[in-house]
């Protein structure tokens, strides 16, 4: 099992409709990214770019950014919303016998799942 420093950084490869190719990025570590027609090739090139960025930062004596992969999440979000929306959600939650938190969680999950299905079908 690999245990390279670069494994601590999130690497994202996604299809770009605008560019009509795969685009690979490493948020928080490199500006810009890599692109190409093959998803695997873009990922491999992105891994090389991340390794190179780490080497450059070390050579220049600059600190590495905070790791972005394997981050632990608490499951808590402080969300600010308009008071009228808060009231509407509270009433709806009460009507459904749920907490506001549970109602929002269910709605977010539902929207995310719908968007994920639509993205897979395009």
PDB file of N, CA and C in Angstrom:
ATOM      1  N   UNK A   1       0.836  -1.185   0.000  1.00  0.00           N
ATOM      2  CA  UNK A   1       0.000   0.000   0.000  1.00  0.00           C
ATOM      3  C   UNK A   1       0.878   1.245   0.000  1.00  0.00           C
ATOM      4  N   UNK A   2       0.558   2.186  -0.859  1.00  0.00           N
ATOM      5  CA  UNK A   2       1.336   3.413  -0.997  1.00  0.00           C
ATOM      6  C   UNK A   2       1.076   4.350   0.173  1.00  0.00           C
ATOM      7  N   UNK A   3       2.098   5.057   0.564  1.00  0.00           N
ATOM      8  CA  UNK A   3       1.949   6.028   1.636  1.00  0.00           C
ATOM      9  C   UNK A   3       2.770   7.265   1.289  1.00  0.00           C
ATOM     10  N   UNK A   4       2.522   7.814   0.104  1.00  0.00           N
ATOM     11  CA  UNK A   4       3.236   8.996  -0.351  1.00  0.00           C
ATOM     12  C   UNK A   4       2.535  10.241   0.183  1.00  0.00           C
ATOM     13  N   UNK A   5       3.277  11.306   0.326  1.00  0.00           N
ATOM     14  CA  UNK A   5       2.697  12.574   0.775  1.00  0.00           C
ATOM     15  C   UNK A   5       1.584  13.011  -0.170  1.00  0.00           C
ATOM     16  N   UNK A   6       1.742  12.737  -1.452  1.00  0.00           N
ATOM     17  CA  UNK A   6       0.731  13.145  -2.427  1.00  0.00           C
ATOM     18  C   UNK A   6      -0.613  12.446  -2.196  1.00  0.00           C
ATOM     19  N   UNK A   7      -0.597  11.308  -1.484  1.00  0.00           N
ATOM     20  CA  UNK A   7      -1.847  10.616  -1.170  1.00  0.00           C
ATOM     21  C   UNK A   7      -2.729  11.433  -0.230  1.00  0.00           C
ATOM     22  N   UNK A   8      -2.155  12.443   0.392  1.00  0.00           N
ATOM     23  CA  UNK A   8      -2.901  13.290   1.327  1.00  0.00           C
ATOM     24  C   UNK A   8      -3.673  14.411   0.630  1.00  0.00           C
ATOM     25  N   UNK A   9      -3.587  14.468  -0.698  1.00  0.00           N
ATOM     26  CA  UNK A   9      -4.250  15.551  -1.428  1.00  0.00           C
ATOM     27  C   UNK A   9      -5.320  15.004  -2.364  1.00  0.00           C
ATOM     28  N   UNK A  10      -6.479  15.620  -2.285  1.00  0.00           N
ATOM     29  CA  UNK A  10      -7.619  15.239  -3.107  1.00  0.00           C
ATOM     30  C   UNK A  10      -7.315  15.490  -4.574  1.00  0.00           C
ATOM     31  N   UNK A  11      -7.634  14.491  -5.392  1.00  0.00           N
ATOM     32  CA  UNK A  11      -7.445  14.598  -6.844  1.00  0.00           C
ATOM     33  C   UNK A  11      -8.797  14.336  -7.488  1.00  0.00           C
ATOM     34  N   UNK A  12      -9.264  15.280  -8.277  1.00  0.00           N
ATOM     35  CA  UNK A  12     -10.593  15.169  -8.884  1.00  0.00           C
ATOM     36  C   UNK A  12     -10.456  15.167 -10.401  1.00  0.00           C
ATOM     37  N   UNK A  13     -11.066  14.171 -11.041  1.00  0.00           N
ATOM     38  CA  UNK A  13     -11.115  14.112 -12.498  1.00  0.00           C
ATOM     39  C   UNK A  13     -12.587  14.076 -12.881  1.00  0.00           C
ATOM     40  N   UNK A  14     -12.990  15.035 -13.712  1.00  0.00           N
ATOM     41  CA  UNK A  14     -14.386  15.085 -14.137  1.00  0.00           C
ATOM     42  C   UNK A  14     -14.476  15.525 -15.588  1.00  0.00           C
ATOM     43  N   UNK A  15     -15.573  15.151 -16.213  1.00  0.00           N
ATOM     44  CA  UNK A  15     -15.812  15.502 -17.595  1.00  0.00           C
ATOM     45  C   UNK A  15     -16.254  16.957 -17.684  1.00  0.00           C
ATOM     46  N   UNK A  16     -15.695  17.702 -18.629  1.00  0.00           N
ATOM     47  CA  UNK A  16     -16.085  19.087 -18.869  1.00  0.00           C
ATOM     48  C   UNK A  16     -16.832  19.163 -20.190  1.00  0.00           C
ATOM     49  N   UNK A  17     -18.121  19.467 -20.117  1.00  0.00           N
ATOM     50  CA  UNK A  17     -18.911  19.639 -21.338  1.00  0.00           C
ATOM     51  C   UNK A  17     -18.361  20.806 -22.155  1.00  0.00           C
ATOM     52  N   UNK A  18     -17.972  21.859 -21.455  1.00  0.00           N
ATOM     53  CA  UNK A  18     -17.461  23.056 -22.127  1.00  0.00           C
ATOM     54  C   UNK A  18     -16.196  22.761 -22.927  1.00  0.00           C
ATOM     55  N   UNK A  19     -15.280  22.016 -22.316  1.00  0.00           N
ATOM     56  CA  UNK A  19     -14.001  21.721 -22.970  1.00  0.00           C
ATOM     57  C   UNK A  19     -14.029  20.424 -23.779  1.00  0.00           C
ATOM     58  N   UNK A  20     -15.081  19.618 -23.579  1.00  0.00           N
ATOM     59  CA  UNK A  20     -15.211  18.321 -24.250  1.00  0.00           C
ATOM     60  C   UNK A  20     -14.003  17.415 -23.994  1.00  0.00           C
ATOM     61  N   UNK A  21     -13.590  17.402 -22.719  1.00  0.00           N
ATOM     62  CA  UNK A  21     -12.499  16.529 -22.303  1.00  0.00           C
ATOM     63  C   UNK A  21     -12.562  16.357 -20.787  1.00  0.00           C
ATOM     64  N   UNK A  22     -11.746  15.439 -20.266  1.00  0.00           N
ATOM     65  CA  UNK A  22     -11.633  15.273 -18.821  1.00  0.00           C
ATOM     66  C   UNK A  22     -10.691  16.339 -18.279  1.00  0.00           C
ATOM     67  N   UNK A  23     -11.020  16.849 -17.109  1.00  0.00           N
ATOM     68  CA  UNK A  23     -10.200  17.865 -16.453  1.00  0.00           C
ATOM     69  C   UNK A  23      -9.862  17.353 -15.055  1.00  0.00           C
ATOM     70  N   UNK A  24      -8.587  17.403 -14.719  1.00  0.00           N
ATOM     71  CA  UNK A  24      -8.132  16.953 -13.408  1.00  0.00           C
ATOM     72  C   UNK A  24      -7.616  18.117 -12.590  1.00  0.00           C
ATOM     73  N   UNK A  25      -8.059  18.207 -11.336  1.00  0.00           N
ATOM     74  CA  UNK A  25      -7.630  19.278 -10.450  1.00  0.00           C
ATOM     75  C   UNK A  25      -7.249  18.721  -9.079  1.00  0.00           C
ATOM     76  N   UNK A  26      -6.461  19.476  -8.355  1.00  0.00           N
ATOM     77  CA  UNK A  26      -6.095  19.150  -6.975  1.00  0.00           C
ATOM     78  C   UNK A  26      -6.312  20.418  -6.148  1.00  0.00           C
ATOM     79  N   UNK A  27      -7.563  20.642  -5.726  1.00  0.00           N
ATOM     80  CA  UNK A  27      -7.904  21.873  -5.006  1.00  0.00           C
ATOM     81  C   UNK A  27      -7.014  22.091  -3.789  1.00  0.00           C
ATOM     82  N   UNK A  28      -6.573  23.325  -3.642  1.00  0.00           N
ATOM     83  CA  UNK A  28      -5.749  23.683  -2.498  1.00  0.00           C
ATOM     84  C   UNK A  28      -4.268  23.428  -2.687  1.00  0.00           C
ATOM     85  N   UNK A  29      -3.912  22.709  -3.752  1.00  0.00           N
ATOM     86  CA  UNK A  29      -2.503  22.394  -3.959  1.00  0.00           C
ATOM     87  C   UNK A  29      -1.964  22.999  -5.251  1.00  0.00           C
ATOM     88  N   UNK A  30      -2.654  22.772  -6.355  1.00  0.00           N
ATOM     89  CA  UNK A  30      -2.188  23.340  -7.622  1.00  0.00           C
ATOM     90  C   UNK A  30      -3.279  24.217  -8.226  1.00  0.00           C
ATOM     91  N   UNK A  31      -2.845  25.279  -8.884  1.00  0.00           N
ATOM     92  CA  UNK A  31      -3.763  26.159  -9.594  1.00  0.00           C
ATOM     93  C   UNK A  31      -3.877  25.630 -11.012  1.00  0.00           C
ATOM     94  N   UNK A  32      -5.088  25.539 -11.502  1.00  0.00           N
ATOM     95  CA  UNK A  32      -5.282  24.956 -12.819  1.00  0.00           C
ATOM     96  C   UNK A  32      -5.357  23.452 -12.699  1.00  0.00           C
ATOM     97  N   UNK A  33      -4.971  22.769 -13.734  1.00  0.00           N
ATOM     98  CA  UNK A  33      -5.039  21.321 -13.704  1.00  0.00           C
ATOM     99  C   UNK A  33      -4.531  20.729 -14.994  1.00  0.00           C
ATOM    100  N   UNK A  34      -4.941  19.508 -15.251  1.00  0.00           N
ATOM    101  CA  UNK A  34      -4.552  18.809 -16.471  1.00  0.00           C
ATOM    102  C   UNK A  34      -5.818  18.388 -17.197  1.00  0.00           C
ATOM    103  N   UNK A  35      -5.685  18.138 -18.489  1.00  0.00           N
ATOM    104  CA  UNK A  35      -6.861  17.748 -19.254  1.00  0.00           C
ATOM    105  C   UNK A  35      -6.487  16.772 -20.363  1.00  0.00           C
ATOM    106  N   UNK A  36      -7.486  16.041 -20.845  1.00  0.00           N
ATOM    107  CA  UNK A  36      -7.250  15.103 -21.926  1.00  0.00           C
ATOM    108  C   UNK A  36      -8.485  14.266 -22.209  1.00  0.00           C
ATOM    109  N   UNK A  37      -8.397  13.419 -23.206  1.00  0.00           N
ATOM    110  CA  UNK A  37      -9.536  12.595 -23.643  1.00  0.00           C
ATOM    111  C   UNK A  37      -9.720  11.327 -22.807  1.00  0.00           C
ATOM    112  N   UNK A  38      -8.644  10.840 -22.202  1.00  0.00           N
ATOM    113  CA  UNK A  38      -8.695   9.602 -21.423  1.00  0.00           C
ATOM    114  C   UNK A  38      -8.743   9.926 -19.923  1.00  0.00           C
ATOM    115  N   UNK A  39      -9.773   9.431 -19.258  1.00  0.00           N
ATOM    116  CA  UNK A  39      -9.919   9.670 -17.828  1.00  0.00           C
ATOM    117  C   UNK A  39      -8.720   9.128 -17.057  1.00  0.00           C
ATOM    118  N   UNK A  40      -8.265   7.934 -17.391  1.00  0.00           N
ATOM    119  CA  UNK A  40      -7.123   7.329 -16.707  1.00  0.00           C
ATOM    120  C   UNK A  40      -5.851   8.134 -16.932  1.00  0.00           C
ATOM    121  N   UNK A  41      -5.613   8.556 -18.163  1.00  0.00           N
ATOM    122  CA  UNK A  41      -4.410   9.344 -18.481  1.00  0.00           C
ATOM    123  C   UNK A  41      -4.428  10.670 -17.727  1.00  0.00           C
ATOM    124  N   UNK A  42      -5.602  11.305 -17.668  1.00  0.00           N
ATOM    125  CA  UNK A  42      -5.715  12.572 -16.936  1.00  0.00           C
ATOM    126  C   UNK A  42      -5.410  12.348 -15.458  1.00  0.00           C
ATOM    127  N   UNK A  43      -5.928  11.256 -14.888  1.00  0.00           N
ATOM    128  CA  UNK A  43      -5.645  10.969 -13.483  1.00  0.00           C
ATOM    129  C   UNK A  43      -4.156  10.727 -13.267  1.00  0.00           C
ATOM    130  N   UNK A  44      -3.539   9.938 -14.145  1.00  0.00           N
ATOM    131  CA  UNK A  44      -2.100   9.670 -14.021  1.00  0.00           C
ATOM    132  C   UNK A  44      -1.297  10.964 -14.134  1.00  0.00           C
ATOM    133  N   UNK A  45      -1.660  11.818 -15.100  1.00  0.00           N
ATOM    134  CA  UNK A  45      -0.966  13.098 -15.263  1.00  0.00           C
ATOM    135  C   UNK A  45      -1.184  14.001 -14.053  1.00  0.00           C
ATOM    136  N   UNK A  46      -2.388  13.950 -13.487  1.00  0.00           N
ATOM    137  CA  UNK A  46      -2.692  14.748 -12.299  1.00  0.00           C
ATOM    138  C   UNK A  46      -1.842  14.293 -11.115  1.00  0.00           C
ATOM    139  N   UNK A  47      -1.709  12.985 -10.949  1.00  0.00           N
ATOM    140  CA  UNK A  47      -0.854  12.457  -9.875  1.00  0.00           C
ATOM    141  C   UNK A  47       0.585  12.936 -10.042  1.00  0.00           C
ATOM    142  N   UNK A  48       1.077  12.941 -11.276  1.00  0.00           N
ATOM    143  CA  UNK A  48       2.430  13.443 -11.549  1.00  0.00           C
ATOM    144  C   UNK A  48       2.526  14.938 -11.217  1.00  0.00           C
ATOM    145  N   UNK A  49       1.499  15.707 -11.575  1.00  0.00           N
ATOM    146  CA  UNK A  49       1.493  17.151 -11.312  1.00  0.00           C
ATOM    147  C   UNK A  49       1.491  17.432  -9.810  1.00  0.00           C
ATOM    148  N   UNK A  50       0.748  16.631  -9.056  1.00  0.00           N
ATOM    149  CA  UNK A  50       0.710  16.788  -7.597  1.00  0.00           C
ATOM    150  C   UNK A  50       2.083  16.484  -7.006  1.00  0.00           C
ATOM    151  N   UNK A  51       2.701  15.399  -7.460  1.00  0.00           N
ATOM    152  CA  UNK A  51       4.059  15.055  -6.991  1.00  0.00           C
ATOM    153  C   UNK A  51       5.031  16.194  -7.287  1.00  0.00           C
ATOM    154  N   UNK A  52       4.943  16.728  -8.500  1.00  0.00           N
ATOM    155  CA  UNK A  52       5.834  17.817  -8.901  1.00  0.00           C
ATOM    156  C   UNK A  52       5.594  19.070  -8.059  1.00  0.00           C
ATOM    157  N   UNK A  53       4.343  19.391  -7.795  1.00  0.00           N
ATOM    158  CA  UNK A  53       4.026  20.573  -6.981  1.00  0.00           C
ATOM    159  C   UNK A  53       4.609  20.431  -5.576  1.00  0.00           C
ATOM    160  N   UNK A  54       4.512  19.237  -5.011  1.00  0.00           N
ATOM    161  CA  UNK A  54       5.067  18.994  -3.671  1.00  0.00           C
ATOM    162  C   UNK A  54       6.583  19.151  -3.693  1.00  0.00           C
ATOM    163  N   UNK A  55       7.226  18.601  -4.723  1.00  0.00           N
ATOM    164  CA  UNK A  55       8.686  18.727  -4.835  1.00  0.00           C
ATOM    165  C   UNK A  55       9.106  20.191  -4.951  1.00  0.00           C
ATOM    166  N   UNK A  56       8.381  20.956  -5.747  1.00  0.00           N
ATOM    167  CA  UNK A  56       8.705  22.382  -5.927  1.00  0.00           C
ATOM    168  C   UNK A  56       8.565  23.136  -4.608  1.00  0.00           C
ATOM    169  N   UNK A  57       7.458  22.918  -3.903  1.00  0.00           N
ATOM    170  CA  UNK A  57       7.246  23.597  -2.625  1.00  0.00           C
ATOM    171  C   UNK A  57       8.358  23.256  -1.637  1.00  0.00           C
ATOM    172  N   UNK A  58       8.741  21.998  -1.589  1.00  0.00           N
ATOM    173  CA  UNK A  58       9.812  21.580  -0.675  1.00  0.00           C
ATOM    174  C   UNK A  58      11.147  22.211  -1.074  1.00  0.00           C
ATOM    175  N   UNK A  59      11.433  22.199  -2.375  1.00  0.00           N
ATOM    176  CA  UNK A  59      12.693  22.763  -2.869  1.00  0.00           C
ATOM    177  C   UNK A  59      12.787  24.250  -2.529  1.00  0.00           C
ATOM    178  N   UNK A  60      11.654  24.954  -2.611  1.00  0.00           N
ATOM    179  CA  UNK A  60      11.615  26.385  -2.308  1.00  0.00           C
ATOM    180  C   UNK A  60      11.511  26.652  -0.813  1.00  0.00           C
ATOM    181  N   UNK A  61      11.409  25.598  -0.011  1.00  0.00           N
ATOM    182  CA  UNK A  61      11.324  25.757   1.434  1.00  0.00           C
ATOM    183  C   UNK A  61       9.977  26.285   1.909  1.00  0.00           C
ATOM    184  N   UNK A  62       8.977  26.135   1.064  1.00  0.00           N
ATOM    185  CA  UNK A  62       7.642  26.617   1.428  1.00  0.00           C
ATOM    186  C   UNK A  62       6.847  25.485   2.079  1.00  0.00           C
ATOM    187  N   UNK A  63       5.958  25.834   3.000  1.00  0.00           N
ATOM    188  CA  UNK A  63       5.166  24.787   3.662  1.00  0.00           C
ATOM    189  C   UNK A  63       4.136  24.182   2.709  1.00  0.00           C
ATOM    190  N   UNK A  64       3.843  22.924   2.914  1.00  0.00           N
ATOM    191  CA  UNK A  64       2.809  22.265   2.124  1.00  0.00           C
ATOM    192  C   UNK A  64       1.437  22.721   2.632  1.00  0.00           C
ATOM    193  N   UNK A  65       0.480  22.853   1.729  1.00  0.00           N
ATOM    194  CA  UNK A  65      -0.882  23.197   2.161  1.00  0.00           C
ATOM    195  C   UNK A  65      -1.468  22.094   3.037  1.00  0.00           C
ATOM    196  N   UNK A  66      -2.503  22.440   3.768  1.00  0.00           N
ATOM    197  CA  UNK A  66      -3.203  21.459   4.592  1.00  0.00           C
ATOM    198  C   UNK A  66      -3.735  20.347   3.691  1.00  0.00           C
ATOM    199  N   UNK A  67      -3.588  19.119   4.135  1.00  0.00           N
ATOM    200  CA  UNK A  67      -4.053  17.956   3.371  1.00  0.00           C
ATOM    201  C   UNK A  67      -5.556  18.057   3.116  1.00  0.00           C
ATOM    202  N   UNK A  68      -5.974  17.606   1.934  1.00  0.00           N
ATOM    203  CA  UNK A  68      -7.384  17.682   1.561  1.00  0.00           C
ATOM    204  C   UNK A  68      -8.044  16.316   1.424  1.00  0.00           C
ATOM    205  N   UNK A  69      -7.279  15.250   1.373  1.00  0.00           N
ATOM    206  CA  UNK A  69      -7.847  13.902   1.265  1.00  0.00           C
ATOM    207  C   UNK A  69      -7.958  13.289   2.658  1.00  0.00           C
ATOM    208  N   UNK A  70      -8.848  12.350   2.798  1.00  0.00           N
ATOM    209  CA  UNK A  70      -9.047  11.639   4.069  1.00  0.00           C
ATOM    210  C   UNK A  70      -9.403  12.566   5.223  1.00  0.00           C
ATOM    211  N   UNK A  71      -9.958  13.700   4.893  1.00  0.00           N
ATOM    212  CA  UNK A  71     -10.373  14.653   5.912  1.00  0.00           C
ATOM    213  C   UNK A  71     -11.566  14.085   6.669  1.00  0.00           C
ATOM    214  N   UNK A  72     -11.577  14.244   7.961  1.00  0.00           N
ATOM    215  CA  UNK A  72     -12.690  13.793   8.788  1.00  0.00           C
ATOM    216  C   UNK A  72     -13.708  14.936   8.878  1.00  0.00           C
ATOM    217  N   UNK A  73     -14.968  14.596   8.705  1.00  0.00           N
ATOM    218  CA  UNK A  73     -16.042  15.582   8.780  1.00  0.00           C
ATOM    219  C   UNK A  73     -16.910  15.289   9.992  1.00  0.00           C
ATOM    220  N   UNK A  74     -17.301  16.334  10.688  1.00  0.00           N
ATOM    221  CA  UNK A  74     -18.090  16.173  11.914  1.00  0.00           C
ATOM    222  C   UNK A  74     -19.546  15.832  11.626  1.00  0.00           C
ATOM    223  N   UNK A  75     -20.023  16.180  10.435  1.00  0.00           N
ATOM    224  CA  UNK A  75     -21.437  15.981  10.137  1.00  0.00           C
ATOM    225  C   UNK A  75     -22.284  17.157  10.568  1.00  0.00           C
ATOM    226  N   UNK A  76     -21.626  18.236  10.991  1.00  0.00           N
ATOM    227  CA  UNK A  76     -22.349  19.431  11.429  1.00  0.00           C
ATOM    228  C   UNK A  76     -22.048  20.576  10.475  1.00  0.00           C
ATOM    229  N   UNK A  77     -23.105  21.306  10.120  1.00  0.00           N
ATOM    230  CA  UNK A  77     -22.960  22.478   9.264  1.00  0.00           C
ATOM    231  C   UNK A  77     -23.713  23.632   9.917  1.00  0.00           C
ATOM    232  N   UNK A  78     -23.064  24.759  10.068  1.00  0.00           N
ATOM    233  CA  UNK A  78     -23.752  25.965  10.544  1.00  0.00           C
ATOM    234  C   UNK A  78     -24.286  26.666   9.300  1.00  0.00           C
ATOM    235  N   UNK A  79     -25.584  26.686   9.156  1.00  0.00           N
ATOM    236  CA  UNK A  79     -26.214  27.197   7.950  1.00  0.00           C
ATOM    237  C   UNK A  79     -27.053  28.421   8.272  1.00  0.00           C
ATOM    238  N   UNK A  80     -26.770  29.525   7.602  1.00  0.00           N
ATOM    239  CA  UNK A  80     -27.567  30.736   7.792  1.00  0.00           C
ATOM    240  C   UNK A  80     -28.576  30.831   6.659  1.00  0.00           C
ATOM    241  N   UNK A  81     -29.839  30.978   7.028  1.00  0.00           N
ATOM    242  CA  UNK A  81     -30.905  31.089   6.044  1.00  0.00           C
ATOM    243  C   UNK A  81     -31.831  32.236   6.438  1.00  0.00           C
ATOM    244  N   UNK A  82     -32.588  32.762   5.483  1.00  0.00           N
ATOM    245  CA  UNK A  82     -33.536  33.834   5.816  1.00  0.00           C
ATOM    246  C   UNK A  82     -34.554  33.350   6.858  1.00  0.00           C
ATOM    247  N   UNK A  83     -34.975  34.241   7.726  1.00  0.00           N
ATOM    248  CA  UNK A  83     -35.886  33.867   8.812  1.00  0.00           C
ATOM    249  C   UNK A  83     -37.201  33.290   8.283  1.00  0.00           C
ATOM    250  N   UNK A  84     -37.697  33.795   7.154  1.00  0.00           N
ATOM    251  CA  UNK A  84     -38.950  33.279   6.602  1.00  0.00           C
ATOM    252  C   UNK A  84     -38.783  31.828   6.134  1.00  0.00           C
ATOM    253  N   UNK A  85     -37.639  31.519   5.536  1.00  0.00           N
ATOM    254  CA  UNK A  85     -37.374  30.140   5.128  1.00  0.00           C
ATOM    255  C   UNK A  85     -37.269  29.238   6.355  1.00  0.00           C
ATOM    256  N   UNK A  86     -36.617  29.719   7.405  1.00  0.00           N
ATOM    257  CA  UNK A  86     -36.493  28.962   8.648  1.00  0.00           C
ATOM    258  C   UNK A  86     -37.889  28.647   9.196  1.00  0.00           C
ATOM    259  N   UNK A  87     -38.758  29.650   9.191  1.00  0.00           N
ATOM    260  CA  UNK A  87     -40.131  29.470   9.668  1.00  0.00           C
ATOM    261  C   UNK A  87     -40.860  28.426   8.816  1.00  0.00           C
ATOM    262  N   UNK A  88     -40.745  28.541   7.500  1.00  0.00           N
ATOM    263  CA  UNK A  88     -41.404  27.603   6.587  1.00  0.00           C
ATOM    264  C   UNK A  88     -40.916  26.176   6.822  1.00  0.00           C
ATOM    265  N   UNK A  89     -39.606  26.020   6.971  1.00  0.00           N
ATOM    266  CA  UNK A  89     -39.042  24.691   7.222  1.00  0.00           C
ATOM    267  C   UNK A  89     -39.497  24.137   8.571  1.00  0.00           C
ATOM    268  N   UNK A  90     -39.553  24.989   9.578  1.00  0.00           N
ATOM    269  CA  UNK A  90     -39.980  24.555  10.908  1.00  0.00           C
ATOM    270  C   UNK A  90     -41.433  24.075  10.876  1.00  0.00           C
ATOM    271  N   UNK A  91     -42.289  24.798  10.176  1.00  0.00           N
ATOM    272  CA  UNK A  91     -43.698  24.404  10.061  1.00  0.00           C
ATOM    273  C   UNK A  91     -43.821  23.083   9.312  1.00  0.00           C
ATOM    274  N   UNK A  92     -43.106  22.968   8.188  1.00  0.00           N
ATOM    275  CA  UNK A  92     -43.151  21.738   7.395  1.00  0.00           C
ATOM    276  C   UNK A  92     -42.636  20.551   8.214  1.00  0.00           C
ATOM    277  N   UNK A  93     -41.559  20.749   8.952  1.00  0.00           N
ATOM    278  CA  UNK A  93     -41.003  19.685   9.790  1.00  0.00           C
ATOM    279  C   UNK A  93     -42.014  19.265  10.852  1.00  0.00           C
ATOM    280  N   UNK A  94     -42.652  20.234  11.467  1.00  0.00           N
ATOM    281  CA  UNK A  94     -43.664  19.947  12.484  1.00  0.00           C
ATOM    282  C   UNK A  94     -44.804  19.129  11.879  1.00  0.00           C
ATOM    283  N   UNK A  95     -45.263  19.535  10.685  1.00  0.00           N
ATOM    284  CA  UNK A  95     -46.351  18.825  10.017  1.00  0.00           C
ATOM    285  C   UNK A  95     -45.975  17.382   9.694  1.00  0.00           C
ATOM    286  N   UNK A  96     -44.711  17.145   9.399  1.00  0.00           N
ATOM    287  CA  UNK A  96     -44.251  15.801   9.045  1.00  0.00           C
ATOM    288  C   UNK A  96     -43.761  15.008  10.256  1.00  0.00           C
ATOM    289  N   UNK A  97     -43.803  15.643  11.434  1.00  0.00           N
ATOM    290  CA  UNK A  97     -43.362  14.966  12.646  1.00  0.00           C
ATOM    291  C   UNK A  97     -41.870  14.741  12.707  1.00  0.00           C
ATOM    292  N   UNK A  98     -41.126  15.611  12.055  1.00  0.00           N
ATOM    293  CA  UNK A  98     -39.659  15.514  12.007  1.00  0.00           C
ATOM    294  C   UNK A  98     -39.038  16.763  12.633  1.00  0.00           C
ATOM    295  N   UNK A  99     -37.765  16.682  12.921  1.00  0.00           N
ATOM    296  CA  UNK A  99     -37.032  17.876  13.332  1.00  0.00           C
ATOM    297  C   UNK A  99     -36.659  18.660  12.073  1.00  0.00           C
ATOM    298  N   UNK A 100     -36.372  19.939  12.242  1.00  0.00           N
ATOM    299  CA  UNK A 100     -35.930  20.759  11.107  1.00  0.00           C
ATOM    300  C   UNK A 100     -34.653  20.164  10.527  1.00  0.00           C
ATOM    301  N   UNK A 101     -33.761  19.726  11.392  1.00  0.00           N
ATOM    302  CA  UNK A 101     -32.507  19.127  10.946  1.00  0.00           C
ATOM    303  C   UNK A 101     -32.764  17.919  10.051  1.00  0.00           C
ATOM    304  N   UNK A 102     -33.646  17.026  10.483  1.00  0.00           N
ATOM    305  CA  UNK A 102     -33.946  15.815   9.715  1.00  0.00           C
ATOM    306  C   UNK A 102     -34.606  16.158   8.382  1.00  0.00           C
ATOM    307  N   UNK A 103     -35.511  17.138   8.395  1.00  0.00           N
ATOM    308  CA  UNK A 103     -36.176  17.560   7.166  1.00  0.00           C
ATOM    309  C   UNK A 103     -35.159  18.078   6.146  1.00  0.00           C
ATOM    310  N   UNK A 104     -34.264  18.948   6.595  1.00  0.00           N
ATOM    311  CA  UNK A 104     -33.247  19.509   5.697  1.00  0.00           C
ATOM    312  C   UNK A 104     -32.320  18.404   5.195  1.00  0.00           C
ATOM    313  N   UNK A 105     -31.933  17.499   6.080  1.00  0.00           N
ATOM    314  CA  UNK A 105     -31.065  16.382   5.691  1.00  0.00           C
ATOM    315  C   UNK A 105     -31.726  15.535   4.610  1.00  0.00           C
ATOM    316  N   UNK A 106     -32.993  15.210   4.786  1.00  0.00           N
ATOM    317  CA  UNK A 106     -33.707  14.403   3.794  1.00  0.00           C
ATOM    318  C   UNK A 106     -33.817  15.135   2.463  1.00  0.00           C
ATOM    319  N   UNK A 107     -34.131  16.434   2.505  1.00  0.00           N
ATOM    320  CA  UNK A 107     -34.291  17.208   1.271  1.00  0.00           C
ATOM    321  C   UNK A 107     -32.958  17.333   0.526  1.00  0.00           C
ATOM    322  N   UNK A 108     -31.886  17.604   1.251  1.00  0.00           N
ATOM    323  CA  UNK A 108     -30.566  17.716   0.620  1.00  0.00           C
ATOM    324  C   UNK A 108     -30.157  16.386  -0.010  1.00  0.00           C
ATOM    325  N   UNK A 109     -30.376  15.304   0.711  1.00  0.00           N
ATOM    326  CA  UNK A 109     -30.033  13.982   0.180  1.00  0.00           C
ATOM    327  C   UNK A 109     -30.815  13.682  -1.086  1.00  0.00           C
ATOM    328  N   UNK A 110     -32.090  14.011  -1.074  1.00  0.00           N
ATOM    329  CA  UNK A 110     -32.948  13.763  -2.230  1.00  0.00           C
ATOM    330  C   UNK A 110     -32.486  14.554  -3.451  1.00  0.00           C
ATOM    331  N   UNK A 111     -32.210  15.832  -3.261  1.00  0.00           N
ATOM    332  CA  UNK A 111     -31.750  16.676  -4.370  1.00  0.00           C
ATOM    333  C   UNK A 111     -30.405  16.190  -4.884  1.00  0.00           C
ATOM    334  N   UNK A 112     -29.505  15.838  -3.979  1.00  0.00           N
ATOM    335  CA  UNK A 112     -28.190  15.345  -4.393  1.00  0.00           C
ATOM    336  C   UNK A 112     -28.316  14.063  -5.211  1.00  0.00           C
ATOM    337  N   UNK A 113     -29.153  13.133  -4.743  1.00  0.00           N
ATOM    338  CA  UNK A 113     -29.343  11.871  -5.465  1.00  0.00           C
ATOM    339  C   UNK A 113     -29.940  12.116  -6.848  1.00  0.00           C
ATOM    340  N   UNK A 114     -30.919  13.010  -6.959  1.00  0.00           N
ATOM    341  CA  UNK A 114     -31.521  13.329  -8.251  1.00  0.00           C
ATOM    342  C   UNK A 114     -30.490  13.924  -9.195  1.00  0.00           C
ATOM    343  N   UNK A 115     -29.684  14.856  -8.699  1.00  0.00           N
ATOM    344  CA  UNK A 115     -28.659  15.479  -9.538  1.00  0.00           C
ATOM    345  C   UNK A 115     -27.597  14.476  -9.961  1.00  0.00           C
ATOM    346  N   UNK A 116     -27.242  13.565  -9.065  1.00  0.00           N
ATOM    347  CA  UNK A 116     -26.258  12.537  -9.401  1.00  0.00           C
ATOM    348  C   UNK A 116     -26.778  11.617 -10.492  1.00  0.00           C
ATOM    349  N   UNK A 117     -28.053  11.237 -10.403  1.00  0.00           N
ATOM    350  CA  UNK A 117     -28.655  10.380 -11.424  1.00  0.00           C
ATOM    351  C   UNK A 117     -28.707  11.089 -12.765  1.00  0.00           C
ATOM    352  N   UNK A 118     -29.087  12.374 -12.759  1.00  0.00           N
ATOM    353  CA  UNK A 118     -29.145  13.126 -14.001  1.00  0.00           C
ATOM    354  C   UNK A 118     -27.760  13.249 -14.628  1.00  0.00           C
ATOM    355  N   UNK A 119     -26.733  13.473 -13.799  1.00  0.00           N
ATOM    356  CA  UNK A 119     -25.365  13.621 -14.319  1.00  0.00           C
ATOM    357  C   UNK A 119     -24.881  12.311 -14.925  1.00  0.00           C
ATOM    358  N   UNK A 120     -25.246  11.187 -14.340  1.00  0.00           N
ATOM    359  CA  UNK A 120     -24.825   9.881 -14.868  1.00  0.00           C
ATOM    360  C   UNK A 120     -25.542   9.565 -16.184  1.00  0.00           C
ATOM    361  N   UNK A 121     -26.738  10.105 -16.362  1.00  0.00           N
ATOM    362  CA  UNK A 121     -27.520   9.810 -17.552  1.00  0.00           C
ATOM    363  C   UNK A 121     -27.211  10.741 -18.728  1.00  0.00           C
ATOM    364  N   UNK A 122     -26.351  11.715 -18.528  1.00  0.00           N
ATOM    365  CA  UNK A 122     -26.026  12.636 -19.623  1.00  0.00           C
ATOM    366  C   UNK A 122     -24.766  12.231 -20.336  1.00  0.00           C
TER     367      UNK A 122
END
